[in-house]
C-alpha atoms as a PDB file:
ATOM      1  CA  UNK A   1     231.241  14.061 200.457  1.00  0.00           C
ATOM      2  CA  UNK A   2     230.790  17.842 199.614  1.00  0.00           C
ATOM      3  CA  UNK A   3     227.885  20.158 200.236  1.00  0.00           C
ATOM      4  CA  UNK A   4     226.778  19.933 196.671  1.00  0.00           C
ATOM      5  CA  UNK A   5     226.443  15.928 197.036  1.00  0.00           C
ATOM      6  CA  UNK A   6     224.235  16.618 200.221  1.00  0.00           C
ATOM      7  CA  UNK A   7     221.906  18.809 198.553  1.00  0.00           C
ATOM      8  CA  UNK A   8     221.460  16.655 195.635  1.00  0.00           C
ATOM      9  CA  UNK A   9     220.663  13.731 197.609  1.00  0.00           C
ATOM     10  CA  UNK A  10     217.872  16.095 199.323  1.00  0.00           C
ATOM     11  CA  UNK A  11     216.692  16.973 195.897  1.00  0.00           C
ATOM     12  CA  UNK A  12     216.306  13.339 195.010  1.00  0.00           C
ATOM     13  CA  UNK A  13     214.673  12.610 198.106  1.00  0.00           C
ATOM     14  CA  UNK A  14     211.759  14.642 197.015  1.00  0.00           C
ATOM     15  CA  UNK A  15     211.267  12.868 193.739  1.00  0.00           C
ATOM     16  CA  UNK A  16     211.780   9.440 195.302  1.00  0.00           C
ATOM     17  CA  UNK A  17     208.934  10.161 197.543  1.00  0.00           C
ATOM     18  CA  UNK A  18     206.494  10.428 194.601  1.00  0.00           C
ATOM     19  CA  UNK A  19     208.085   7.541 193.048  1.00  0.00           C
ATOM     20  CA  UNK A  20     207.548   5.319 196.164  1.00  0.00           C
ATOM     21  CA  UNK A  21     203.871   6.797 196.148  1.00  0.00           C
ATOM     22  CA  UNK A  22     203.411   5.935 192.466  1.00  0.00           C
ATOM     23  CA  UNK A  23     204.310   2.226 192.899  1.00  0.00           C
ATOM     24  CA  UNK A  24     201.134   1.406 194.246  1.00  0.00           C
ATOM     25  CA  UNK A  25     199.100  -1.289 192.193  1.00  0.00           C
ATOM     26  CA  UNK A  26     195.523  -1.389 191.186  1.00  0.00           C
ATOM     27  CA  UNK A  27     193.107  -4.395 191.903  1.00  0.00           C
ATOM     28  CA  UNK A  28     193.651  -5.616 188.159  1.00  0.00           C
ATOM     29  CA  UNK A  29     197.453  -5.959 188.892  1.00  0.00           C
ATOM     30  CA  UNK A  30     198.444  -2.591 186.663  1.00  0.00           C
ATOM     31  CA  UNK A  31     200.081   0.034 188.013  1.00  0.00           C
ATOM     32  CA  UNK A  32     197.778   3.104 188.211  1.00  0.00           C
ATOM     33  CA  UNK A  33     198.847   6.420 186.543  1.00  0.00           C
ATOM     34  CA  UNK A  34     201.002   8.443 188.860  1.00  0.00           C
ATOM     35  CA  UNK A  35     201.506  12.400 188.708  1.00  0.00           C
ATOM     36  CA  UNK A  36     203.974  14.510 190.549  1.00  0.00           C
ATOM     37  CA  UNK A  37     204.693  18.337 190.018  1.00  0.00           C
ATOM     38  CA  UNK A  38     207.598  19.888 191.546  1.00  0.00           C
ATOM     39  CA  UNK A  39     208.030  23.767 191.556  1.00  0.00           C
ATOM     40  CA  UNK A  40     211.178  25.390 192.865  1.00  0.00           C
ATOM     41  CA  UNK A  41     211.552  29.117 193.591  1.00  0.00           C
ATOM     42  CA  UNK A  42     214.830  30.672 194.682  1.00  0.00           C
ATOM     43  CA  UNK A  43     214.018  33.478 197.398  1.00  0.00           C
ATOM     44  CA  UNK A  44     217.667  35.064 196.823  1.00  0.00           C
ATOM     45  CA  UNK A  45     217.013  35.430 193.052  1.00  0.00           C
ATOM     46  CA  UNK A  46     220.135  33.659 192.308  1.00  0.00           C
ATOM     47  CA  UNK A  47     218.655  30.586 190.391  1.00  0.00           C
ATOM     48  CA  UNK A  48     215.652  31.005 188.086  1.00  0.00           C
ATOM     49  CA  UNK A  49     212.379  29.343 188.979  1.00  0.00           C
ATOM     50  CA  UNK A  50     212.066  25.710 187.673  1.00  0.00           C
ATOM     51  CA  UNK A  51     209.400  23.331 187.307  1.00  0.00           C
ATOM     52  CA  UNK A  52     209.217  19.243 186.900  1.00  0.00           C
ATOM     53  CA  UNK A  53     206.486  17.181 185.589  1.00  0.00           C
ATOM     54  CA  UNK A  54     206.801  13.573 186.128  1.00  0.00           C
ATOM     55  CA  UNK A  55     203.925  11.212 184.832  1.00  0.00           C
ATOM     56  CA  UNK A  56     204.469   7.313 185.329  1.00  0.00           C
ATOM     57  CA  UNK A  57     202.122   4.747 183.837  1.00  0.00           C
ATOM     58  CA  UNK A  58     202.433   1.087 183.883  1.00  0.00           C
ATOM     59  CA  UNK A  59     200.712  -2.151 182.739  1.00  0.00           C
ATOM     60  CA  UNK A  60     202.085  -5.878 183.322  1.00  0.00           C
ATOM     61  CA  UNK A  61     205.877  -5.896 183.202  1.00  0.00           C
ATOM     62  CA  UNK A  62     206.228  -2.561 181.040  1.00  0.00           C
ATOM     63  CA  UNK A  63     206.509   0.681 182.813  1.00  0.00           C
ATOM     64  CA  UNK A  64     207.054   4.210 181.387  1.00  0.00           C
ATOM     65  CA  UNK A  65     208.031   7.474 182.987  1.00  0.00           C
ATOM     66  CA  UNK A  66     208.077  10.743 181.247  1.00  0.00           C
ATOM     67  CA  UNK A  67     209.623  13.830 183.161  1.00  0.00           C
ATOM     68  CA  UNK A  68     209.574  17.255 181.702  1.00  0.00           C
ATOM     69  CA  UNK A  69     211.599  20.116 182.929  1.00  0.00           C
ATOM     70  CA  UNK A  70     210.517  23.606 182.514  1.00  0.00           C
ATOM     71  CA  UNK A  71     212.636  26.728 182.544  1.00  0.00           C
ATOM     72  CA  UNK A  72     212.062  30.418 182.313  1.00  0.00           C
ATOM     73  CA  UNK A  73     212.928  31.639 178.866  1.00  0.00           C
ATOM     74  CA  UNK A  74     213.847  35.407 177.839  1.00  0.00           C
ATOM     75  CA  UNK A  75     210.177  36.532 178.352  1.00  0.00           C
ATOM     76  CA  UNK A  76     209.920  35.265 181.772  1.00  0.00           C
ATOM     77  CA  UNK A  77     207.770  32.356 180.584  1.00  0.00           C
ATOM     78  CA  UNK A  78     208.268  28.817 181.561  1.00  0.00           C
ATOM     79  CA  UNK A  79     208.571  26.751 178.638  1.00  0.00           C
ATOM     80  CA  UNK A  80     209.859  22.995 178.342  1.00  0.00           C
ATOM     81  CA  UNK A  81     213.538  22.866 178.258  1.00  0.00           C
ATOM     82  CA  UNK A  82     214.448  18.831 178.700  1.00  0.00           C
ATOM     83  CA  UNK A  83     212.402  15.673 178.763  1.00  0.00           C
ATOM     84  CA  UNK A  84     213.172  12.328 179.559  1.00  0.00           C
ATOM     85  CA  UNK A  85     211.503   9.318 178.553  1.00  0.00           C
ATOM     86  CA  UNK A  86     212.399   5.951 180.352  1.00  0.00           C
ATOM     87  CA  UNK A  87     210.834   2.527 179.465  1.00  0.00           C
ATOM     88  CA  UNK A  88     211.415  -0.389 181.245  1.00  0.00           C
ATOM     89  CA  UNK A  89     210.069  -4.105 180.463  1.00  0.00           C
ATOM     90  CA  UNK A  90     210.637  -6.629 183.402  1.00  0.00           C
ATOM     91  CA  UNK A  91     210.633 -10.531 182.929  1.00  0.00           C
ATOM     92  CA  UNK A  92     211.065 -12.785 185.768  1.00  0.00           C
ATOM     93  CA  UNK A  93     214.779 -13.039 185.146  1.00  0.00           C
ATOM     94  CA  UNK A  94     215.696  -9.920 183.221  1.00  0.00           C
ATOM     95  CA  UNK A  95     214.957  -6.141 182.744  1.00  0.00           C
ATOM     96  CA  UNK A  96     215.576  -4.081 179.535  1.00  0.00           C
ATOM     97  CA  UNK A  97     215.344  -0.188 180.078  1.00  0.00           C
ATOM     98  CA  UNK A  98     215.844   2.572 177.420  1.00  0.00           C
ATOM     99  CA  UNK A  99     216.388   6.160 178.443  1.00  0.00           C
ATOM    100  CA  UNK A 100     216.070   8.945 176.134  1.00  0.00           C
ATOM    101  CA  UNK A 101     216.941  12.315 176.768  1.00  0.00           C
ATOM    102  CA  UNK A 102     215.599  15.259 174.563  1.00  0.00           C
ATOM    103  CA  UNK A 103     216.197  19.068 174.461  1.00  0.00           C
ATOM    104  CA  UNK A 104     214.504  22.289 173.071  1.00  0.00           C
ATOM    105  CA  UNK A 105     215.850  24.660 170.885  1.00  0.00           C
ATOM    106  CA  UNK A 106     215.069  28.347 171.059  1.00  0.00           C
ATOM    107  CA  UNK A 107     212.146  27.646 168.694  1.00  0.00           C
ATOM    108  CA  UNK A 108     210.756  24.906 170.828  1.00  0.00           C
ATOM    109  CA  UNK A 109     211.825  22.215 168.558  1.00  0.00           C
ATOM    110  CA  UNK A 110     212.455  19.002 170.715  1.00  0.00           C
ATOM    111  CA  UNK A 111     215.616  17.064 169.480  1.00  0.00           C
ATOM    112  CA  UNK A 112     217.011  13.646 170.825  1.00  0.00           C
ATOM    113  CA  UNK A 113     220.269  14.162 172.768  1.00  0.00           C
ATOM    114  CA  UNK A 114     220.815  11.040 174.097  1.00  0.00           C
ATOM    115  CA  UNK A 115     219.989   7.628 174.490  1.00  0.00           C
ATOM    116  CA  UNK A 116     220.978   4.816 177.170  1.00  0.00           C
ATOM    117  CA  UNK A 117     219.898   1.202 176.966  1.00  0.00           C
ATOM    118  CA  UNK A 118     220.416  -0.905 179.855  1.00  0.00           C
ATOM    119  CA  UNK A 119     220.329  -5.010 180.075  1.00  0.00           C
ATOM    120  CA  UNK A 120     220.143  -6.391 183.455  1.00  0.00           C
ATOM    121  CA  UNK A 121     219.914 -10.323 183.897  1.00  0.00           C
ATOM    122  CA  UNK A 122     219.962 -12.614 186.656  1.00  0.00           C
ATOM    123  CA  UNK A 123     221.460 -16.170 186.365  1.00  0.00           C
ATOM    124  CA  UNK A 124     220.062 -19.396 187.747  1.00  0.00           C
ATOM    125  CA  UNK A 125     222.906 -19.255 190.558  1.00  0.00           C
ATOM    126  CA  UNK A 126     221.640 -15.748 191.597  1.00  0.00           C
ATOM    127  CA  UNK A 127     224.682 -13.819 189.839  1.00  0.00           C
ATOM    128  CA  UNK A 128     223.703 -10.559 187.848  1.00  0.00           C
ATOM    129  CA  UNK A 129     225.094  -9.009 185.098  1.00  0.00           C
ATOM    130  CA  UNK A 130     224.194  -5.300 183.620  1.00  0.00           C
ATOM    131  CA  UNK A 131     225.358  -3.809 180.509  1.00  0.00           C
ATOM    132  CA  UNK A 132     224.718   0.174 180.008  1.00  0.00           C
ATOM    133  CA  UNK A 133     225.255   1.507 176.269  1.00  0.00           C
ATOM    134  CA  UNK A 134     225.252   5.118 175.933  1.00  0.00           C
ATOM    135  CA  UNK A 135     224.821   6.961 172.543  1.00  0.00           C
ATOM    136  CA  UNK A 136     224.900  10.746 172.152  1.00  0.00           C
ATOM    137  CA  UNK A 137     223.168  12.194 168.960  1.00  0.00           C
ATOM    138  CA  UNK A 138     224.182  15.436 167.010  1.00  0.00           C
ATOM    139  CA  UNK A 139     221.874  18.106 165.050  1.00  0.00           C
ATOM    140  CA  UNK A 140     221.962  16.025 162.015  1.00  0.00           C
ATOM    141  CA  UNK A 141     220.552  12.939 163.725  1.00  0.00           C
ATOM    142  CA  UNK A 142     223.676  10.926 163.647  1.00  0.00           C
ATOM    143  CA  UNK A 143     224.442   9.101 166.526  1.00  0.00           C
ATOM    144  CA  UNK A 144     227.446   7.422 168.053  1.00  0.00           C
ATOM    145  CA  UNK A 145     228.365   5.038 170.939  1.00  0.00           C
ATOM    146  CA  UNK A 146     230.058   7.187 173.698  1.00  0.00           C
ATOM    147  CA  UNK A 147     230.380   4.446 176.393  1.00  0.00           C
ATOM    148  CA  UNK A 148     229.744   0.842 177.631  1.00  0.00           C
ATOM    149  CA  UNK A 149     229.599  -0.112 181.417  1.00  0.00           C
ATOM    150  CA  UNK A 150     229.611  -3.610 182.496  1.00  0.00           C
ATOM    151  CA  UNK A 151     228.717  -4.805 185.906  1.00  0.00           C
ATOM    152  CA  UNK A 152     228.790  -8.267 187.236  1.00  0.00           C
ATOM    153  CA  UNK A 153     227.986  -9.315 190.484  1.00  0.00           C
ATOM    154  CA  UNK A 154     228.574 -12.866 191.807  1.00  0.00           C
ATOM    155  CA  UNK A 155     228.727 -14.697 195.028  1.00  0.00           C
ATOM    156  CA  UNK A 156     231.691 -16.626 195.986  1.00  0.00           C
ATOM    157  CA  UNK A 157     230.246 -17.925 199.235  1.00  0.00           C
ATOM    158  CA  UNK A 158     227.058 -17.325 201.060  1.00  0.00           C
ATOM    159  CA  UNK A 159     228.276 -14.519 202.896  1.00  0.00           C
ATOM    160  CA  UNK A 160     230.644 -12.774 199.991  1.00  0.00           C
ATOM    161  CA  UNK A 161     229.542 -10.882 197.102  1.00  0.00           C
ATOM    162  CA  UNK A 162     231.998  -9.322 194.597  1.00  0.00           C
ATOM    163  CA  UNK A 163     231.166  -6.717 191.990  1.00  0.00           C
ATOM    164  CA  UNK A 164     233.348  -6.119 188.980  1.00  0.00           C
ATOM    165  CA  UNK A 165     232.611  -2.534 187.029  1.00  0.00           C
ATOM    166  CA  UNK A 166     234.074  -1.759 183.771  1.00  0.00           C
ATOM    167  CA  UNK A 167     233.889   1.123 181.669  1.00  0.00           C
ATOM    168  CA  UNK A 168     234.630   1.466 177.924  1.00  0.00           C
ATOM    169  CA  UNK A 169     235.034   4.237 175.868  1.00  0.00           C
ATOM    170  CA  UNK A 170     235.966   4.817 172.252  1.00  0.00           C
ATOM    171  CA  UNK A 171     239.501   5.481 171.435  1.00  0.00           C
ATOM    172  CA  UNK A 172     240.804   8.010 168.468  1.00  0.00           C
ATOM    173  CA  UNK A 173     240.026   5.395 166.223  1.00  0.00           C
ATOM    174  CA  UNK A 174     236.315   4.687 167.336  1.00  0.00           C
ATOM    175  CA  UNK A 175     237.250   1.347 169.017  1.00  0.00           C
ATOM    176  CA  UNK A 176     236.003   0.732 172.480  1.00  0.00           C
ATOM    177  CA  UNK A 177     238.685   0.476 175.035  1.00  0.00           C
ATOM    178  CA  UNK A 178     238.518  -0.151 178.498  1.00  0.00           C
ATOM    179  CA  UNK A 179     239.437   3.120 180.280  1.00  0.00           C
ATOM    180  CA  UNK A 180     238.215   2.196 184.005  1.00  0.00           C
ATOM    181  CA  UNK A 181     237.821  -0.496 186.473  1.00  0.00           C
ATOM    182  CA  UNK A 182     236.191  -0.842 189.889  1.00  0.00           C
ATOM    183  CA  UNK A 183     236.226  -3.843 192.036  1.00  0.00           C
ATOM    184  CA  UNK A 184     234.336  -4.331 195.273  1.00  0.00           C
ATOM    185  CA  UNK A 185     233.600  -7.114 197.828  1.00  0.00           C
ATOM    186  CA  UNK A 186     231.013  -7.374 200.639  1.00  0.00           C
ATOM    187  CA  UNK A 187     231.467  -9.777 203.384  1.00  0.00           C
ATOM    188  CA  UNK A 188     229.150 -10.527 206.074  1.00  0.00           C
ATOM    189  CA  UNK A 189     231.254 -11.164 209.100  1.00  0.00           C
ATOM    190  CA  UNK A 190     228.201 -12.072 211.493  1.00  0.00           C
ATOM    191  CA  UNK A 191     224.385 -11.209 211.557  1.00  0.00           C
ATOM    192  CA  UNK A 192     225.129  -7.669 212.620  1.00  0.00           C
ATOM    193  CA  UNK A 193     228.377  -6.881 210.948  1.00  0.00           C
ATOM    194  CA  UNK A 194     229.360  -6.395 207.054  1.00  0.00           C
ATOM    195  CA  UNK A 195     232.485  -5.390 205.757  1.00  0.00           C
ATOM    196  CA  UNK A 196     233.271  -4.144 202.405  1.00  0.00           C
ATOM    197  CA  UNK A 197     236.044  -2.759 200.266  1.00  0.00           C
ATOM    198  CA  UNK A 198     236.546  -1.455 196.790  1.00  0.00           C
ATOM    199  CA  UNK A 199     239.353  -0.163 194.497  1.00  0.00           C
ATOM    200  CA  UNK A 200     239.105   2.160 191.596  1.00  0.00           C
ATOM    201  CA  UNK A 201     241.601   1.933 188.664  1.00  0.00           C
ATOM    202  CA  UNK A 202     241.881   4.268 185.556  1.00  0.00           C
ATOM    203  CA  UNK A 203     244.188   3.704 182.506  1.00  0.00           C
ATOM    204  CA  UNK A 204     246.734   6.426 182.163  1.00  0.00           C
ATOM    205  CA  UNK A 205     247.888   7.814 178.792  1.00  0.00           C
ATOM    206  CA  UNK A 206     250.593   5.118 178.527  1.00  0.00           C
ATOM    207  CA  UNK A 207     247.935   2.384 179.034  1.00  0.00           C
ATOM    208  CA  UNK A 208     249.193   1.413 182.540  1.00  0.00           C
ATOM    209  CA  UNK A 209     246.739   0.999 185.067  1.00  0.00           C
ATOM    210  CA  UNK A 210     246.738   3.319 187.997  1.00  0.00           C
ATOM    211  CA  UNK A 211     244.884   2.773 191.243  1.00  0.00           C
ATOM    212  CA  UNK A 212     243.264   6.203 192.145  1.00  0.00           C
ATOM    213  CA  UNK A 213     240.883   5.349 194.645  1.00  0.00           C
ATOM    214  CA  UNK A 214     240.072   2.855 197.716  1.00  0.00           C
ATOM    215  CA  UNK A 215     237.315   2.445 200.003  1.00  0.00           C
ATOM    216  CA  UNK A 216     236.818   0.570 203.117  1.00  0.00           C
ATOM    217  CA  UNK A 217     233.867   0.367 205.473  1.00  0.00           C
ATOM    218  CA  UNK A 218     232.059  -1.633 207.964  1.00  0.00           C
ATOM    219  CA  UNK A 219     228.454  -1.484 209.037  1.00  0.00           C
ATOM    220  CA  UNK A 220     227.137  -2.575 212.257  1.00  0.00           C
ATOM    221  CA  UNK A 221     223.473  -3.019 213.733  1.00  0.00           C
ATOM    222  CA  UNK A 222     223.041  -2.335 217.315  1.00  0.00           C
ATOM    223  CA  UNK A 223     219.717  -4.287 217.771  1.00  0.00           C
ATOM    224  CA  UNK A 224     216.821  -3.184 215.934  1.00  0.00           C
ATOM    225  CA  UNK A 225     216.531   0.406 215.979  1.00  0.00           C
ATOM    226  CA  UNK A 226     220.525   1.510 215.812  1.00  0.00           C
ATOM    227  CA  UNK A 227     222.885   1.071 212.815  1.00  0.00           C
ATOM    228  CA  UNK A 228     226.412   2.710 212.844  1.00  0.00           C
ATOM    229  CA  UNK A 229     228.765   2.832 209.438  1.00  0.00           C
ATOM    230  CA  UNK A 230     232.393   3.565 208.924  1.00  0.00           C
ATOM    231  CA  UNK A 231     233.994   4.343 205.685  1.00  0.00           C
ATOM    232  CA  UNK A 232     237.659   5.396 204.782  1.00  0.00           C
ATOM    233  CA  UNK A 233     238.530   6.615 201.559  1.00  0.00           C
ATOM    234  CA  UNK A 234     242.003   6.954 200.127  1.00  0.00           C
ATOM    235  CA  UNK A 235     243.250   8.684 197.296  1.00  0.00           C
ATOM    236  CA  UNK A 236     246.618   9.372 195.537  1.00  0.00           C
ATOM    237  CA  UNK A 237     248.209  12.847 196.312  1.00  0.00           C
ATOM    238  CA  UNK A 238     250.266  15.125 193.767  1.00  0.00           C
ATOM    239  CA  UNK A 239     253.407  12.896 194.475  1.00  0.00           C
ATOM    240  CA  UNK A 240     251.435   9.584 193.867  1.00  0.00           C
ATOM    241  CA  UNK A 241     251.328   8.471 197.507  1.00  0.00           C
ATOM    242  CA  UNK A 242     248.161   7.152 198.911  1.00  0.00           C
ATOM    243  CA  UNK A 243     246.892   8.951 201.622  1.00  0.00           C
ATOM    244  CA  UNK A 244     243.263   9.584 203.586  1.00  0.00           C
ATOM    245  CA  UNK A 245     241.017  11.655 201.714  1.00  0.00           C
ATOM    246  CA  UNK A 246     238.031  11.356 203.962  1.00  0.00           C
ATOM    247  CA  UNK A 247     236.463   9.237 206.827  1.00  0.00           C
ATOM    248  CA  UNK A 248     232.902   9.066 207.120  1.00  0.00           C
ATOM    249  CA  UNK A 249     231.137   7.835 210.235  1.00  0.00           C
ATOM    250  CA  UNK A 250     227.139   7.440 210.111  1.00  0.00           C
ATOM    251  CA  UNK A 251     224.621   6.729 212.927  1.00  0.00           C
ATOM    252  CA  UNK A 252     221.072   6.116 212.488  1.00  0.00           C
ATOM    253  CA  UNK A 253     218.617   5.311 215.063  1.00  0.00           C
ATOM    254  CA  UNK A 254     214.807   5.483 215.808  1.00  0.00           C
ATOM    255  CA  UNK A 255     213.376   6.340 219.200  1.00  0.00           C
ATOM    256  CA  UNK A 256     210.432   7.963 220.723  1.00  0.00           C
ATOM    257  CA  UNK A 257     208.923   8.225 217.322  1.00  0.00           C
ATOM    258  CA  UNK A 258     211.763   9.859 215.693  1.00  0.00           C
ATOM    259  CA  UNK A 259     214.327   8.318 212.865  1.00  0.00           C
ATOM    260  CA  UNK A 260     217.608  10.054 213.431  1.00  0.00           C
ATOM    261  CA  UNK A 261     220.700  10.008 211.128  1.00  0.00           C
ATOM    262  CA  UNK A 262     224.044  11.892 211.813  1.00  0.00           C
ATOM    263  CA  UNK A 263     227.020  12.148 209.309  1.00  0.00           C
ATOM    264  CA  UNK A 264     230.244  13.235 210.448  1.00  0.00           C
ATOM    265  CA  UNK A 265     233.003  13.778 207.687  1.00  0.00           C
ATOM    266  CA  UNK A 266     236.626  14.039 208.587  1.00  0.00           C
ATOM    267  CA  UNK A 267     239.313  15.176 206.130  1.00  0.00           C
ATOM    268  CA  UNK A 268     242.694  16.931 206.416  1.00  0.00           C
ATOM    269  CA  UNK A 269     242.463  20.505 207.255  1.00  0.00           C
ATOM    270  CA  UNK A 270     241.548  22.905 204.442  1.00  0.00           C
ATOM    271  CA  UNK A 271     244.755  24.922 204.331  1.00  0.00           C
ATOM    272  CA  UNK A 272     246.755  21.603 203.878  1.00  0.00           C
ATOM    273  CA  UNK A 273     247.176  19.302 201.101  1.00  0.00           C
ATOM    274  CA  UNK A 274     246.561  15.725 202.041  1.00  0.00           C
ATOM    275  CA  UNK A 275     249.646  13.852 203.317  1.00  0.00           C
ATOM    276  CA  UNK A 276     250.501  10.355 204.691  1.00  0.00           C
ATOM    277  CA  UNK A 277     250.933  12.140 208.126  1.00  0.00           C
ATOM    278  CA  UNK A 278     247.982  14.250 207.645  1.00  0.00           C
ATOM    279  CA  UNK A 279     245.635  13.965 210.809  1.00  0.00           C
ATOM    280  CA  UNK A 280     241.919  14.077 209.440  1.00  0.00           C
ATOM    281  CA  UNK A 281     239.772  16.753 211.414  1.00  0.00           C
ATOM    282  CA  UNK A 282     235.879  17.157 211.671  1.00  0.00           C
ATOM    283  CA  UNK A 283     235.048  19.006 208.348  1.00  0.00           C
ATOM    284  CA  UNK A 284     231.504  18.559 208.193  1.00  0.00           C
ATOM    285  CA  UNK A 285     228.371  17.058 210.129  1.00  0.00           C
ATOM    286  CA  UNK A 286     224.992  16.502 208.875  1.00  0.00           C
ATOM    287  CA  UNK A 287     222.083  15.887 211.024  1.00  0.00           C
ATOM    288  CA  UNK A 288     218.607  14.751 209.866  1.00  0.00           C
ATOM    289  CA  UNK A 289     215.768  14.252 211.979  1.00  0.00           C
ATOM    290  CA  UNK A 290     212.343  12.592 210.778  1.00  0.00           C
ATOM    291  CA  UNK A 291     209.215  12.998 213.000  1.00  0.00           C
ATOM    292  CA  UNK A 292     205.887  11.603 212.139  1.00  0.00           C
ATOM    293  CA  UNK A 293     202.817  13.854 212.090  1.00  0.00           C
ATOM    294  CA  UNK A 294     199.338  13.503 212.064  1.00  0.00           C
ATOM    295  CA  UNK A 295     199.331  14.031 208.384  1.00  0.00           C
ATOM    296  CA  UNK A 296     202.426  12.722 207.221  1.00  0.00           C
ATOM    297  CA  UNK A 297     205.960  13.378 208.302  1.00  0.00           C
ATOM    298  CA  UNK A 298     208.718  16.473 208.613  1.00  0.00           C
ATOM    299  CA  UNK A 299     212.144  16.018 208.277  1.00  0.00           C
ATOM    300  CA  UNK A 300     214.677  18.692 209.347  1.00  0.00           C
ATOM    301  CA  UNK A 301     218.502  18.594 208.161  1.00  0.00           C
ATOM    302  CA  UNK A 302     221.028  21.003 209.448  1.00  0.00           C
ATOM    303  CA  UNK A 303     224.413  21.016 207.760  1.00  0.00           C
ATOM    304  CA  UNK A 304     227.322  22.158 209.917  1.00  0.00           C
ATOM    305  CA  UNK A 305     230.765  23.280 208.043  1.00  0.00           C
ATOM    306  CA  UNK A 306     233.686  25.475 208.504  1.00  0.00           C
ATOM    307  CA  UNK A 307     234.193  29.174 207.605  1.00  0.00           C
ATOM    308  CA  UNK A 308     235.999  29.140 204.352  1.00  0.00           C
ATOM    309  CA  UNK A 309     237.878  32.542 205.701  1.00  0.00           C
ATOM    310  CA  UNK A 310     238.338  31.187 209.167  1.00  0.00           C
ATOM    311  CA  UNK A 311     238.904  27.355 208.568  1.00  0.00           C
ATOM    312  CA  UNK A 312     240.182  26.792 212.228  1.00  0.00           C
ATOM    313  CA  UNK A 313     236.939  28.073 213.872  1.00  0.00           C
ATOM    314  CA  UNK A 314     234.502  25.458 215.327  1.00  0.00           C
ATOM    315  CA  UNK A 315     231.911  24.241 213.283  1.00  0.00           C
ATOM    316  CA  UNK A 316     228.512  25.967 212.824  1.00  0.00           C
ATOM    317  CA  UNK A 317     225.359  25.468 210.862  1.00  0.00           C
ATOM    318  CA  UNK A 318     225.737  26.671 207.407  1.00  0.00           C
ATOM    319  CA  UNK A 319     222.589  25.192 205.799  1.00  0.00           C
ATOM    320  CA  UNK A 320     219.281  24.084 207.321  1.00  0.00           C
ATOM    321  CA  UNK A 321     216.192  22.457 205.392  1.00  0.00           C
ATOM    322  CA  UNK A 322     212.542  21.664 206.487  1.00  0.00           C
ATOM    323  CA  UNK A 323     210.831  19.313 204.429  1.00  0.00           C
ATOM    324  CA  UNK A 324     207.113  18.813 205.378  1.00  0.00           C
ATOM    325  CA  UNK A 325     205.339  15.835 203.551  1.00  0.00           C
ATOM    326  CA  UNK A 326     201.187  15.798 204.172  1.00  0.00           C
ATOM    327  CA  UNK A 327     198.821  13.209 202.707  1.00  0.00           C
ATOM    328  CA  UNK A 328     195.876  15.172 201.340  1.00  0.00           C
ATOM    329  CA  UNK A 329     193.577  12.212 200.730  1.00  0.00           C
ATOM    330  CA  UNK A 330     192.449  10.312 197.530  1.00  0.00           C
ATOM    331  CA  UNK A 331     196.116   9.141 197.041  1.00  0.00           C
ATOM    332  CA  UNK A 332     197.438  12.859 196.993  1.00  0.00           C
ATOM    333  CA  UNK A 333     200.337  14.178 198.794  1.00  0.00           C
ATOM    334  CA  UNK A 334     201.915  17.684 199.106  1.00  0.00           C
ATOM    335  CA  UNK A 335     205.873  17.784 199.858  1.00  0.00           C
ATOM    336  CA  UNK A 336     207.095  21.306 200.747  1.00  0.00           C
ATOM    337  CA  UNK A 337     210.691  22.363 201.422  1.00  0.00           C
ATOM    338  CA  UNK A 338     212.467  25.310 202.701  1.00  0.00           C
ATOM    339  CA  UNK A 339     216.125  25.757 202.411  1.00  0.00           C
ATOM    340  CA  UNK A 340     217.952  28.313 204.661  1.00  0.00           C
ATOM    341  CA  UNK A 341     221.642  29.540 204.250  1.00  0.00           C
ATOM    342  CA  UNK A 342     223.871  31.725 206.318  1.00  0.00           C
ATOM    343  CA  UNK A 343     224.714  35.042 204.665  1.00  0.00           C
ATOM    344  CA  UNK A 344     227.716  37.236 204.868  1.00  0.00           C
ATOM    345  CA  UNK A 345     226.545  38.572 208.095  1.00  0.00           C
ATOM    346  CA  UNK A 346     225.895  35.315 209.748  1.00  0.00           C
ATOM    347  CA  UNK A 347     222.164  35.463 209.705  1.00  0.00           C
ATOM    348  CA  UNK A 348     220.173  32.199 208.343  1.00  0.00           C
ATOM    349  CA  UNK A 349     218.072  33.424 205.391  1.00  0.00           C
ATOM    350  CA  UNK A 350     215.460  31.732 203.431  1.00  0.00           C
ATOM    351  CA  UNK A 351     216.969  31.106 200.016  1.00  0.00           C
ATOM    352  CA  UNK A 352     214.751  28.611 198.300  1.00  0.00           C
ATOM    353  CA  UNK A 353     211.468  27.069 198.452  1.00  0.00           C
ATOM    354  CA  UNK A 354     210.384  23.949 196.923  1.00  0.00           C
ATOM    355  CA  UNK A 355     206.812  22.694 196.520  1.00  0.00           C
ATOM    356  CA  UNK A 356     205.580  19.190 194.856  1.00  0.00           C
ATOM    357  CA  UNK A 357     202.200  17.685 194.546  1.00  0.00           C
ATOM    358  CA  UNK A 358     201.975  13.911 193.590  1.00  0.00           C
ATOM    359  CA  UNK A 359     198.828  12.204 192.583  1.00  0.00           C
ATOM    360  CA  UNK A 360     198.476   8.243 192.507  1.00  0.00           C
END
């Protein structure tokens, strides 16, 4: 798990909070229109300001989400840069979703770039099947299928679930050909313990299947307020040997009105290539603490990492994110985020601020 992945998770959390608030229903059963606006400012001046507007509407089993991203143009104005339209139609046993991504050229003209159609079906025995088809569109309006992903989940026993995912892409002749496979299985050992494992394979240039990654993990519930997870990720090294790439330990707990999460990531030392005899060391630690306030909640996340120049030194905080959510009444909320990072002098400095207003 890299720092970029961690940052991406945090950013999605802001949007997810708006989505959750938007899913409240009116007395008629229709989903009330919801709107959220996110504005990001990079105080260090490395990233241009950004604005995202999301509008969600729904009626019966149909839901439409329109998200518009705005970026700064050459004159310093915020103008639309991308628009995503997601329409979902649900029935008791199926859901069909179309996701269209539009871009804008230098003259502000809107053009369709990509389309993804997803069909999810639930069978009478509880098994599910999901198919994603993705098309790309060129400047002349022509479209071509770029990938098809098929995911099937089935229960072989009351406490065993298997999932098979297949990715197909066109070959040189345009025929869809299976290029990647992932098989995973989840088993409930007892009411408080679940184990899972997965394997990921890709087809090499000779058409042979090569296993490139395996994941094994276990989740344990310690009563109603604690949960621990362990995951081991193995990949192939340059010699084709399977070696430990990462071990991830996660602890979640609730106590004294606080939700706490600690993620520890072990990996071979940064100055060594992973080997079968490598001994993973603590490489990153992420701590998140969420506390309820009188008007909402506050989450403080600290990411500890190693100095790339001196990787053998102890972990130290390299990023701190403070997220505050305030309910302002009338179905409205405000989310504010401040991101601090350590500079070359070792001082934590504010580098980015984000603000989001949501209305249901």
